[in-house]
Protein backbone atom coordinates (compact mmCIF):
# COMPACT_ATOMS: atom_id res chain seq x y z
CA MET A 1 23.20 -5.23 -31.17
CA LEU A 2 25.05 -8.50 -31.79
CA THR A 3 23.04 -11.54 -30.65
CA TYR A 4 23.14 -15.29 -31.17
CA PRO A 5 21.12 -16.61 -34.12
CA GLY A 6 17.50 -17.01 -33.06
CA VAL A 7 17.73 -14.37 -30.32
CA THR A 8 16.28 -10.85 -30.68
CA ILE A 9 16.94 -8.13 -28.08
CA GLY A 10 15.54 -4.60 -28.19
CA ASP A 11 14.44 -1.55 -26.20
CA MET A 12 10.75 -1.20 -25.32
CA GLY A 13 10.65 2.55 -25.90
CA ALA A 14 9.62 5.53 -23.78
CA LYS A 15 7.46 5.14 -20.66
CA LEU A 16 5.27 7.48 -18.62
CA GLY A 17 7.87 7.66 -15.85
CA LEU A 18 11.01 6.01 -14.48
CA HIS A 19 12.98 7.48 -17.37
CA GLY A 20 16.27 6.57 -15.73
CA ILE A 21 15.49 2.87 -16.10
CA ASP A 22 15.75 1.13 -19.46
CA ASN A 23 13.33 -1.69 -20.22
CA GLY A 24 13.97 -4.17 -23.00
CA TYR A 25 12.64 -7.38 -24.44
CA MET A 26 14.19 -10.67 -25.51
CA MET A 27 12.68 -13.08 -28.03
CA PHE A 28 13.74 -16.63 -28.88
CA TYR A 29 13.07 -18.40 -32.14
CA ASN A 30 14.14 -22.06 -32.36
CA TYR A 31 16.90 -21.38 -29.86
CA ALA A 32 17.94 -24.32 -27.67
CA ILE A 33 18.61 -23.56 -24.00
CA SER A 34 20.93 -25.79 -22.00
CA LYS A 35 19.56 -27.93 -19.14
CA SER A 36 22.14 -26.26 -16.89
CA CYS A 37 20.09 -23.03 -17.18
CA LEU A 38 17.09 -24.48 -15.34
CA LEU A 39 16.02 -22.80 -12.11
CA ASN A 40 16.04 -26.00 -10.09
CA LYS A 41 16.14 -25.24 -6.37
CA THR A 42 12.87 -27.07 -5.60
CA GLY A 43 12.79 -29.48 -8.56
CA ASP A 44 14.98 -30.74 -11.39
CA ILE A 45 15.13 -32.99 -14.46
CA ASN A 46 17.47 -35.98 -14.15
CA GLU A 47 19.52 -37.56 -16.92
CA ASN A 48 16.58 -39.81 -17.84
CA GLY A 49 14.34 -36.81 -18.42
CA GLU A 50 12.32 -37.44 -15.24
CA TYR A 51 11.16 -34.71 -12.87
CA VAL A 52 12.62 -35.08 -9.36
CA THR A 53 12.13 -33.08 -6.16
CA ARG A 54 13.00 -33.37 -2.49
CA PHE A 55 9.44 -32.36 -1.54
CA LYS A 56 6.97 -35.22 -1.23
CA ASP A 57 3.96 -32.90 -0.82
CA PRO A 58 3.28 -30.80 -3.98
CA ASN A 59 1.66 -28.06 -1.86
CA LYS A 60 4.80 -27.70 0.26
CA ARG A 61 6.95 -27.55 -2.87
CA PHE A 62 4.63 -24.90 -4.29
CA GLY A 63 4.85 -22.90 -1.04
CA ALA A 64 8.65 -23.04 -1.07
CA SER A 65 8.70 -21.85 -4.70
CA LEU A 66 6.25 -19.00 -4.10
CA GLY A 67 8.38 -17.54 -1.32
CA ASN A 68 11.12 -16.83 -3.84
CA LEU A 69 8.77 -14.66 -5.89
CA SER A 70 8.21 -12.25 -3.02
CA ALA A 71 11.53 -10.39 -3.28
CA GLY A 72 10.33 -7.99 -5.96
CA ARG A 73 7.09 -7.26 -4.13
CA VAL A 74 8.90 -6.61 -0.86
CA GLY A 75 11.07 -4.14 -2.76
CA ILE A 76 8.04 -2.42 -4.28
CA ILE A 77 6.52 -1.95 -0.81
CA CYS A 78 9.68 -0.09 0.18
CA ILE A 79 9.53 2.02 -3.00
CA CYS A 80 5.92 3.00 -2.26
CA VAL A 81 6.87 3.91 1.30
CA ALA A 82 9.64 6.14 -0.03
CA ASN A 83 7.20 7.85 -2.39
CA LEU A 84 4.71 8.50 0.43
CA CYS A 85 7.54 9.79 2.62
CA LYS A 86 8.34 12.34 -0.09
CA VAL A 87 4.90 13.57 -1.06
CA VAL A 88 3.27 13.81 2.40
CA PRO A 89 5.93 16.21 3.79
CA ILE A 90 5.61 18.36 0.66
CA ALA A 91 1.86 18.79 1.13
CA ILE A 92 1.95 19.25 4.91
CA ARG A 93 4.84 21.73 4.89
CA TYR A 94 3.12 23.69 2.12
CA SER A 95 -0.21 23.64 3.98
CA ALA A 96 1.47 25.06 7.09
CA VAL A 97 2.74 28.05 5.09
CA ARG A 98 -0.05 28.65 2.59
CA ARG A 99 -2.65 31.07 4.03
CA GLN A 100 -6.14 31.58 2.67
CA PHE A 101 -9.39 33.00 4.04
CA GLY A 102 -10.12 33.22 7.76
CA GLY A 103 -12.08 35.38 10.13
CA LYS A 104 -11.34 38.74 11.75
CA GLY A 105 -9.25 39.93 8.81
CA GLU A 106 -6.49 37.37 9.36
CA GLU A 107 -5.85 34.61 6.84
CA LEU A 108 -5.30 31.14 8.30
CA PRO A 109 -2.76 28.52 7.24
CA VAL A 110 -4.81 26.01 5.26
CA ILE A 111 -3.55 23.19 7.49
CA GLU A 112 -5.85 24.55 10.21
CA TYR A 113 -8.95 23.78 8.18
CA GLN A 114 -10.67 20.51 9.04
CA MET A 115 -11.02 19.57 5.37
CA GLN A 116 -7.27 19.86 4.76
CA GLN A 117 -6.52 17.80 7.86
CA TRP A 118 -9.02 15.10 6.80
CA ARG A 119 -7.45 14.97 3.34
CA LEU A 120 -3.80 14.79 4.42
CA PHE A 121 -3.41 13.43 7.94
CA PRO A 122 -4.68 9.90 7.20
CA TYR A 123 -1.91 9.59 4.61
CA LEU A 124 0.59 10.88 7.18
CA ALA A 125 -0.57 8.09 9.49
CA ALA A 126 -0.53 5.58 6.62
CA ALA A 127 3.08 6.50 5.82
CA TYR A 128 4.16 5.68 9.38
CA VAL A 129 2.18 2.45 9.59
CA LEU A 130 3.28 1.24 6.17
CA LYS A 131 6.91 2.15 6.75
CA TYR A 132 7.09 0.17 9.99
CA PHE A 133 5.31 -2.79 8.41
CA GLY A 134 7.62 -2.65 5.38
CA ASP A 135 10.74 -2.66 7.56
CA CYS A 136 9.45 -5.62 9.60
CA PHE A 137 8.34 -7.57 6.54
CA TYR A 138 11.68 -6.99 4.81
CA SER A 139 13.42 -8.39 7.89
CA ASP A 140 11.09 -11.43 7.94
CA TYR A 141 11.74 -12.09 4.26
CA ALA A 142 15.51 -11.74 4.66
CA GLN A 143 15.46 -14.24 7.54
CA PHE A 144 13.41 -16.61 5.38
CA VAL A 145 16.00 -16.48 2.59
CA ILE A 146 18.87 -17.00 5.04
CA SER A 147 17.10 -20.02 6.57
CA GLN A 148 16.57 -21.52 3.13
CA HIS A 149 20.29 -21.42 2.44
CA SER A 150 21.33 -22.54 5.92
CA GLY A 151 19.26 -25.73 5.94
CA GLY A 152 16.26 -24.74 8.04
CA ASP A 153 13.29 -26.99 8.72
CA ARG A 154 11.61 -27.64 5.36
CA ILE A 155 8.06 -27.98 6.71
CA TYR A 156 8.34 -24.71 8.66
CA LEU A 157 9.95 -22.90 5.72
CA SER A 158 7.25 -24.16 3.39
CA ALA A 159 4.53 -22.69 5.62
CA LEU A 160 6.53 -19.49 6.05
CA GLY A 161 7.09 -19.19 2.29
CA ALA A 162 3.36 -19.57 1.62
CA GLU A 163 2.48 -16.92 4.21
CA ILE A 164 5.13 -14.51 2.92
CA HIS A 165 3.85 -15.01 -0.61
CA ALA A 166 0.25 -14.38 0.45
CA ILE A 167 1.16 -11.26 2.42
CA SER A 168 3.43 -9.82 -0.27
CA SER A 169 0.65 -10.42 -2.83
CA SER A 170 -1.67 -8.08 -0.90
CA ALA A 171 0.87 -5.74 0.71
CA LYS A 172 2.27 -4.73 -2.66
CA PRO A 173 -1.18 -3.70 -4.03
CA MET A 174 -2.07 -1.96 -0.77
CA ALA A 175 1.21 -0.01 -0.74
CA ALA A 176 0.92 0.91 -4.43
CA TRP A 177 -2.64 2.16 -4.10
CA LEU A 178 -1.93 4.04 -0.87
CA ALA A 179 0.98 5.82 -2.55
CA ARG A 180 -1.06 6.46 -5.72
CA ASP A 181 -4.02 7.94 -3.86
CA GLY A 182 -1.80 9.78 -1.39
CA ILE A 183 0.21 11.42 -4.16
CA GLN A 184 -2.93 12.55 -5.98
CA GLU A 185 -4.56 13.88 -2.80
CA CYS A 186 -1.39 15.76 -1.87
CA ARG A 187 -1.15 17.20 -5.38
CA GLU A 188 -4.70 18.53 -5.20
CA ALA A 189 -4.26 19.74 -1.61
CA CYS A 190 -1.43 21.98 -2.85
CA GLY A 191 -3.78 23.65 -5.32
CA GLY A 192 -2.41 25.07 -8.55
CA HIS A 193 1.09 25.23 -7.12
CA GLY A 194 1.02 21.45 -6.80
CA TYR A 195 0.61 21.20 -10.57
CA LEU A 196 3.91 22.95 -11.20
CA LEU A 197 6.77 20.74 -12.36
CA ALA A 198 8.93 22.42 -9.72
CA ALA A 199 6.62 21.07 -7.01
CA GLY A 200 8.03 17.62 -7.74
CA ILE A 201 4.71 15.85 -7.37
CA GLY A 202 4.01 15.20 -11.06
CA ASP A 203 7.20 13.21 -11.62
CA LEU A 204 6.55 11.32 -8.40
CA ARG A 205 3.05 10.44 -9.58
CA ASP A 206 4.28 9.12 -12.92
CA ASP A 207 7.14 7.16 -11.37
CA ASN A 208 4.90 5.58 -8.75
CA ASP A 209 2.25 4.55 -11.27
CA ALA A 210 4.25 1.52 -12.41
CA ASN A 211 3.97 0.00 -8.94
CA SER A 212 0.33 -0.88 -9.61
CA THR A 213 1.15 -3.22 -12.46
CA TYR A 214 4.71 -4.53 -12.47
CA GLU A 215 5.58 -7.67 -10.49
CA GLY A 216 1.91 -8.55 -10.94
CA ASP A 217 -1.23 -6.53 -11.61
CA ASN A 218 -2.67 -5.51 -8.25
CA ASN A 219 -6.14 -6.98 -8.70
CA VAL A 220 -4.74 -10.27 -9.97
CA LEU A 221 -2.18 -10.47 -7.16
CA LEU A 222 -4.88 -10.07 -4.53
CA GLN A 223 -6.31 -13.41 -5.66
CA GLN A 224 -3.16 -15.12 -4.40
CA THR A 225 -3.92 -13.84 -0.91
CA SER A 226 -7.62 -14.73 -0.95
CA ASN A 227 -6.86 -18.23 -2.32
CA TRP A 228 -4.48 -18.85 0.59
CA LEU A 229 -6.95 -17.49 3.13
CA THR A 230 -9.97 -19.43 1.85
CA THR A 231 -7.96 -22.64 1.67
CA ILE A 232 -7.07 -22.28 5.34
CA TRP A 233 -10.69 -21.39 6.17
CA SER A 234 -12.13 -24.42 4.35
CA ASN A 235 -9.81 -26.72 6.31
CA LEU A 236 -9.89 -24.78 9.55
CA ASN A 237 -8.47 -26.69 12.49
CA PRO A 238 -7.60 -24.51 15.50
CA ASP A 239 -4.78 -26.90 16.41
CA GLU A 240 -3.17 -26.82 12.96
CA ILE A 241 -3.31 -23.20 11.78
CA GLN A 242 -0.06 -22.60 9.90
CA SER A 243 0.84 -18.94 10.36
CA PRO A 244 4.55 -18.66 11.27
CA LEU A 245 4.33 -14.85 11.24
CA GLY A 246 1.32 -14.93 13.56
CA PHE A 247 -1.14 -12.97 11.41
CA LEU A 248 -3.79 -15.71 11.40
CA THR A 249 -3.51 -17.04 14.94
CA PHE A 250 -6.76 -15.26 15.86
CA LEU A 251 -8.67 -17.81 13.74
CA VAL A 252 -8.38 -20.14 16.73
CA ASP A 253 -11.31 -18.11 18.11
CA ALA A 254 -13.14 -17.73 14.79
CA LYS A 255 -16.49 -18.97 16.12
CA SER A 256 -16.63 -16.53 19.03
CA ILE A 257 -15.26 -13.68 16.89
CA SER A 258 -18.02 -14.23 14.31
CA LYS A 259 -20.64 -13.73 17.04
CA SER A 260 -19.13 -10.53 18.44
CA LYS A 261 -20.53 -7.00 18.02
CA PHE A 262 -19.12 -3.48 17.90
CA GLN A 263 -19.14 -2.39 21.55
CA ALA A 264 -17.72 1.15 21.55
CA LYS A 265 -20.14 3.77 22.88
CA ASN A 266 -17.82 6.76 23.24
CA PHE A 267 -14.28 7.94 22.48
CA GLU A 268 -12.92 6.22 25.57
CA ASP A 269 -14.20 2.87 24.25
CA LEU A 270 -13.22 3.65 20.66
CA PHE A 271 -9.62 4.44 21.54
CA GLN A 272 -9.00 1.23 23.43
CA SER A 273 -6.02 -0.63 21.99
CA ASN A 274 -8.06 -3.65 20.88
CA THR A 275 -11.10 -1.90 19.36
CA VAL A 276 -9.82 -1.56 15.80
CA LEU A 277 -8.08 -4.95 15.71
CA ASP A 278 -11.19 -6.71 17.07
CA SER A 279 -13.29 -5.06 14.37
CA TYR A 280 -10.91 -6.28 11.69
CA LYS A 281 -10.89 -9.82 13.11
CA TRP A 282 -14.66 -9.93 12.80
CA LEU A 283 -14.52 -8.40 9.31
CA ILE A 284 -12.01 -10.99 8.08
CA CYS A 285 -14.00 -13.91 9.52
CA TRP A 286 -17.22 -12.62 7.96
CA LEU A 287 -15.57 -12.09 4.56
CA LEU A 288 -13.98 -15.54 4.72
CA GLN A 289 -17.38 -17.15 5.23
CA SER A 290 -19.08 -14.86 2.70
CA THR A 291 -16.42 -15.56 0.04
CA SER A 292 -16.58 -19.29 0.71
CA ASP A 293 -20.39 -19.28 0.43
CA LYS A 294 -20.25 -17.31 -2.81
CA PHE A 295 -17.68 -19.69 -4.32
CA HIS A 296 -19.69 -22.80 -3.44
CA SER A 297 -22.91 -21.27 -4.75
CA GLU A 298 -21.17 -20.63 -8.08
CA ILE A 299 -19.97 -24.26 -8.15
CA GLU A 300 -23.49 -25.50 -7.41
CA SER A 301 -24.81 -23.39 -10.31
CA GLY A 302 -22.70 -25.50 -12.67
CA LYS A 303 -19.58 -23.39 -13.11
CA ASP A 304 -16.12 -24.93 -13.08
CA ILE A 305 -13.59 -24.02 -10.36
CA PHE A 306 -11.83 -21.42 -12.52
CA ARG A 307 -15.04 -19.60 -13.43
CA ALA A 308 -16.49 -19.91 -9.92
CA ARG A 309 -13.37 -18.39 -8.36
CA ASN A 310 -13.27 -15.63 -10.98
CA ASP A 311 -16.91 -14.74 -10.26
CA SER A 312 -16.29 -14.60 -6.50
CA GLN A 313 -13.81 -11.73 -6.56
CA VAL A 314 -15.75 -8.46 -6.59
CA TYR A 315 -17.15 -7.52 -3.16
CA GLN A 316 -15.93 -10.86 -1.81
CA ALA A 317 -12.40 -12.27 -2.26
CA ARG A 318 -10.87 -8.95 -3.33
CA THR A 319 -12.30 -7.16 -0.29
CA LEU A 320 -11.14 -10.03 1.92
CA SER A 321 -7.53 -9.64 0.76
CA LEU A 322 -7.57 -5.88 1.34
CA ALA A 323 -9.12 -6.20 4.80
CA PHE A 324 -6.58 -8.85 5.73
CA ILE A 325 -3.54 -6.78 4.75
CA GLU A 326 -4.95 -3.73 6.53
CA TYR A 327 -5.21 -5.90 9.63
CA CYS A 328 -1.59 -7.06 9.15
CA LEU A 329 -0.36 -3.46 9.02
CA LEU A 330 -2.29 -2.55 12.16
CA TYR A 331 -1.25 -5.75 13.95
CA LYS A 332 2.43 -4.88 13.48
CA PHE A 333 2.08 -1.19 14.33
CA THR A 334 0.03 -1.93 17.44
CA LYS A 335 2.90 -4.07 18.69
CA LEU A 336 5.20 -1.09 18.25
CA CYS A 337 2.77 1.22 20.06
CA SER A 338 2.48 -1.25 22.93
CA GLN A 339 6.13 -0.61 23.75
CA TYR A 340 5.11 2.90 24.88
CA THR A 341 2.49 4.09 27.31
CA SER A 342 -0.20 6.30 25.83
CA SER A 343 0.75 9.02 28.33
CA SER A 344 4.34 9.32 27.07
CA SER A 345 5.07 11.92 24.40
CA ILE A 346 6.14 9.35 21.80
CA GLY A 347 3.48 6.81 22.76
CA SER A 348 0.70 9.36 22.59
CA VAL A 349 1.53 10.30 19.00
CA LEU A 350 2.11 6.71 17.85
CA TRP A 351 -1.23 5.59 19.24
CA LYS A 352 -2.97 8.50 17.50
CA LEU A 353 -1.36 7.51 14.20
CA MET A 354 -2.44 3.90 14.68
CA PHE A 355 -6.03 4.82 15.51
CA LEU A 356 -6.26 7.33 12.66
CA TYR A 357 -5.03 4.88 10.03
CA GLY A 358 -7.12 2.07 11.54
CA LEU A 359 -10.42 3.97 11.77
CA TRP A 360 -9.87 5.66 8.39
CA SER A 361 -9.35 2.24 6.78
CA LEU A 362 -12.18 0.60 8.73
CA GLU A 363 -14.60 3.34 7.72
CA LYS A 364 -14.24 2.23 4.09
CA HIS A 365 -15.74 -1.14 5.10
CA MET A 366 -18.75 0.44 6.79
CA GLY A 367 -21.23 -1.16 4.40
CA THR A 368 -19.90 -4.64 5.15
CA LEU A 369 -19.86 -3.99 8.90
CA TYR A 370 -23.56 -3.14 8.74
CA GLN A 371 -24.40 -5.87 6.24
CA GLY A 372 -22.95 -8.53 8.52
CA GLY A 373 -24.63 -7.09 11.61
CA TYR A 374 -21.41 -6.17 13.44
CA ILE A 375 -22.57 -2.56 13.82
CA ILE A 376 -26.23 -1.89 14.56
CA GLY A 377 -27.83 1.54 14.50
CA ASN A 378 -26.33 4.84 13.39
CA SER A 379 -24.26 5.54 16.52
CA GLY A 380 -21.39 3.25 15.48
CA ALA A 381 -20.80 4.93 12.13
CA ARG A 382 -21.12 8.38 13.67
CA LEU A 383 -18.65 7.51 16.43
CA ILE A 384 -16.04 6.18 13.99
CA ARG A 385 -16.30 9.25 11.75
CA GLU A 386 -16.22 11.66 14.66
CA GLY A 387 -13.20 9.75 15.97
CA ILE A 388 -11.37 10.26 12.69
CA LEU A 389 -11.99 14.02 12.78
CA ASP A 390 -11.03 14.23 16.46
CA LEU A 391 -7.73 12.46 15.75
CA CYS A 392 -7.02 14.77 12.81
CA HIS A 393 -7.53 17.80 15.03
CA SER A 394 -5.40 16.39 17.84
CA LEU A 395 -2.51 15.71 15.43
CA LEU A 396 -2.45 19.30 14.13
CA LYS A 397 0.30 20.54 16.44
CA ASP A 398 2.49 17.52 15.66
CA ALA A 399 1.82 17.24 11.92
CA VAL A 400 4.75 19.30 10.66
CA GLY A 401 7.15 17.63 13.07
CA LEU A 402 5.91 14.17 12.00
CA ALA A 403 6.32 15.16 8.36
CA ASP A 404 9.86 16.39 9.04
CA VAL A 405 10.76 12.99 10.50
CA LEU A 406 9.64 11.26 7.30
CA ALA A 407 11.10 13.75 4.85
CA PRO A 408 14.39 13.06 3.06
CA PRO A 409 16.95 15.89 2.66
CA ASP A 410 15.89 18.81 0.48
CA PHE A 411 18.07 17.84 -2.47
CA ILE A 412 16.26 14.47 -2.63
CA LEU A 413 12.81 15.94 -1.96
CA ASN A 414 13.48 18.34 -4.87
CA SER A 415 10.32 20.39 -4.37
CA VAL A 416 9.93 24.15 -4.13
CA LEU A 417 6.82 23.59 -2.00
CA GLY A 418 8.37 21.25 0.54
CA MET A 419 11.78 22.68 1.41
CA SER A 420 12.63 22.30 5.09
CA ASP A 421 13.15 26.04 5.64
CA GLY A 422 9.46 26.74 4.93
CA MET A 423 10.29 29.55 2.47
CA VAL A 424 7.73 28.42 -0.10
CA TYR A 425 7.26 31.70 -1.95
CA LYS A 426 10.96 32.46 -2.07
CA HIS A 427 11.64 29.11 -3.75
CA LEU A 428 8.62 29.49 -6.03
CA GLN A 429 9.85 32.88 -7.22
CA ARG A 430 13.35 31.54 -7.81
CA ALA A 431 12.02 28.60 -9.85
CA MET A 432 9.93 30.96 -11.99
CA ASP A 433 12.83 33.35 -12.47
CA GLU A 434 15.01 30.46 -13.64
CA THR A 435 12.54 29.42 -16.32
CA PRO A 436 14.39 29.77 -19.67
CA ALA A 437 13.17 32.92 -21.45
CA GLY A 438 10.55 33.30 -18.72
CA HIS A 439 10.77 37.13 -18.79
CA GLU A 440 11.10 37.49 -22.56
CA ARG A 441 8.66 37.79 -25.40
CA PRO A 442 8.44 34.72 -27.61
CA SER A 443 10.19 34.94 -30.96
CA TRP A 444 6.89 34.68 -32.81
CA TRP A 445 5.08 37.49 -31.01
CA THR A 446 5.33 40.02 -33.86
CA GLN A 447 3.80 37.60 -36.36
CA ALA A 448 1.00 36.80 -33.92
CA ALA A 449 0.39 40.51 -33.28
CA GLN A 450 0.11 41.16 -37.02
CA LYS A 451 -2.39 38.38 -37.48
CA LEU A 452 -4.50 39.64 -34.59
CA CYS A 453 -4.29 43.33 -35.59
CA SER A 454 -7.67 44.88 -36.38
CA LYS A 455 -8.37 45.64 -40.05
CA LEU A 456 -10.73 48.48 -39.23
């Protein structure tokens, strides 16, 4: 490769997945770069070598700059959605065809078993919730970019850029981990057949794996979200909460939310539209205060700000960021559900998907909900878990149809287990028959037979 003196360009070599994408590196050694190459939208260097910017407030300049970094993360969210929308239909379609065990001499499709529903249906719900959120967030980001170029209000755009950056910094990890865990669960739910290359899940798993680390390592990125949240919390003024997208407007009632308790006593209470969102509002407020207390206790122990923040991540700031983005997903999807009555055919299914994803996600925070005193006694945990299983059962008759809506065409799905015609064994047999030399003896079989032949 011909390069300028002082510039080295090369290929990074083979990767675990994404083999259709080349990755390279570029190194500079004593190579001067022209001033005209500066990325200078929010700040520049004048002819006297002085830094100049149109932003008087450094925080607003920082917010405007951060918004530009969100494009890649918004794209990754969409990639993760696409991966979930491929793997979930494969596993659900396969589970509807695959029969095993059962009473009275008749084998049942494995999708009818509670365990299989509990393993797969939450990811079906997650795919719908994440897809709708991703579409909305992409639209919000596109409008932000357009406003930047069309001369929108700088103060508003600065606040919007900071919020978009904070949300993208937690939505990208959430999407990547949902897809990662969903792909693995679907692979295992398909048994040994899911391990076949022809199932299409292995390549999907390897390709998706990069989403956890590029455009920012997930655990590091989450700190961007928690930093933004705790900064707002430490300067909380109900009249000045800057949340252009509306995700933090509930902090106006932070004091009353922090005193609230889990009120659901039965399924009728549990499946009220506000139950899950109210629980998340309390959870976020409690984690905000807990993270803030932990940070200040580390400062008081003599640590500097960097070390104190670093030692406030596990069980505190990291959990806060994850709870917040789960709330954001549910906040958006609940708005969609509210456009339909729960008695309508579409509304009924959408609300079930919302509640399933919401309760399934909330159940993972059960320890914190008890630790903070939001849930008291064992009835709350039992009700949430029974609600999850009830929702899984009630979605059984719609599961294949919901998977079909998500699934791309067969030639894109590229899986013998997930073809839309449901002929799993026909496609499996064809794939095995097409294996090169699959029905032939290996060329070395005679030598192996001689070596293994008995000398008696």
